[in-house]
Protein backbone atom coordinates (compact mmCIF):
# COMPACT_ATOMS: atom_id res chain seq x y z
CA MET A 1 74.37 -35.31 -20.31
CA ASN A 2 72.61 -34.88 -24.74
CA GLU A 3 68.73 -34.46 -25.49
CA LYS A 4 69.05 -38.28 -26.77
CA THR A 5 70.24 -40.39 -23.61
CA VAL A 6 67.88 -38.27 -21.77
CA ALA A 7 64.96 -39.54 -24.17
CA PHE A 8 66.11 -43.00 -24.55
CA ILE A 9 66.09 -43.41 -20.05
CA ARG A 10 62.40 -41.64 -20.64
CA LEU A 11 61.28 -44.16 -22.66
CA ALA A 12 63.01 -46.66 -20.66
CA ILE A 13 61.55 -46.77 -18.20
CA PRO A 14 57.99 -47.06 -18.49
CA LEU A 15 58.60 -50.31 -21.08
CA TYR A 16 60.93 -51.57 -18.57
CA ALA A 17 58.04 -50.51 -16.14
CA PHE A 18 55.69 -52.41 -18.39
CA LEU A 19 58.12 -55.70 -19.00
CA ASN A 20 58.35 -55.86 -15.23
CA ALA A 21 54.48 -55.60 -15.06
CA THR A 22 53.45 -58.29 -17.58
CA LEU A 23 56.57 -61.26 -15.96
CA LEU A 24 54.12 -60.00 -12.53
CA ALA A 25 50.75 -60.98 -13.87
CA MET A 26 52.76 -64.24 -15.93
CA GLY A 27 53.64 -65.28 -12.60
CA TYR A 28 57.38 -64.65 -12.44
CA ASP A 29 59.25 -62.04 -9.37
CA PRO A 30 61.81 -60.28 -11.96
CA LEU A 31 62.76 -57.56 -9.01
CA PRO A 32 64.68 -59.47 -6.31
CA PHE A 33 61.49 -58.09 -3.01
CA GLU A 34 60.67 -60.46 -0.08
CA SER A 35 56.80 -59.23 -1.15
CA GLU A 36 54.69 -59.40 -3.90
CA LYS A 37 52.68 -56.04 -2.57
CA VAL A 38 56.71 -54.08 -2.40
CA ASP A 39 57.42 -55.40 -6.10
CA ALA A 40 53.92 -54.33 -7.60
CA PHE A 41 54.41 -50.88 -5.84
CA VAL A 42 57.55 -50.74 -6.95
CA THR A 43 56.40 -50.80 -10.43
CA GLY A 44 53.71 -49.24 -10.41
CA ALA A 45 55.62 -46.33 -8.86
CA ILE A 46 57.96 -46.80 -11.84
CA GLY A 47 55.91 -46.97 -13.95
CA VAL A 48 53.48 -44.54 -12.98
CA ILE A 49 57.21 -41.88 -12.60
CA GLY A 50 58.37 -42.69 -15.33
CA LEU A 51 54.92 -42.12 -17.84
CA ILE A 52 54.39 -38.60 -16.25
CA ALA A 53 57.93 -37.46 -16.57
CA ALA A 54 57.95 -38.58 -20.60
CA TRP A 55 54.23 -36.80 -20.64
CA TRP A 56 55.24 -33.75 -18.82
CA LYS A 57 58.63 -33.10 -20.07
CA ASN A 58 59.56 -31.59 -23.94
CA ASN A 59 62.37 -34.32 -25.20
CA ASN A 60 64.36 -32.05 -27.87
CA VAL A 61 65.69 -35.51 -29.64
CA THR A 62 65.87 -34.26 -33.35
CA PRO A 63 68.76 -31.83 -34.31
CA GLU A 64 66.43 -28.88 -35.47
CA ALA A 65 64.70 -28.73 -32.71
CA GLN A 66 67.83 -29.07 -30.04
CA LYS A 67 68.53 -25.69 -32.00
CA MET A 68 65.29 -24.22 -31.51
CA GLN A 69 65.21 -25.48 -27.65
CA ARG A 70 69.40 -22.99 -27.23
CA SER A 71 67.61 -20.78 -29.12
CA LEU A 72 64.74 -20.08 -27.13
CA ASP A 73 66.68 -20.57 -23.79
CA ASP A 74 69.55 -17.77 -25.17
CA LYS A 75 66.86 -15.49 -25.07
CA LYS A 76 65.28 -16.27 -21.89
CA SER A 77 68.46 -15.51 -20.65
CA TYR A 78 68.93 -12.21 -22.38
CA ASN A 79 65.51 -11.05 -21.16
CA ARG A 80 66.36 -11.94 -18.14
CA LEU A 81 69.70 -10.01 -18.17
CA ASN A 82 67.99 -6.63 -20.16
CA LYS A 83 65.45 -6.97 -17.50
CA LEU A 84 68.25 -5.98 -14.41
């Protein structure tokens, strides 16, 4: 996957969790689960995992950032190979 696709997925997950939580607060049941507790837990888990992933991971979206990340990866690879 390219960086833009991964960044979009990381954005879509917390947005979906937020939308789902909003619908639950309004009395709708967007996910097909039998119990409200299970639904609330899944929504919360998706939100927490999505937000942690979005916060933790460096999203190199622009071409310049992608170029610099490749350069950094090349330098790290070169350093690992030369230590042997």
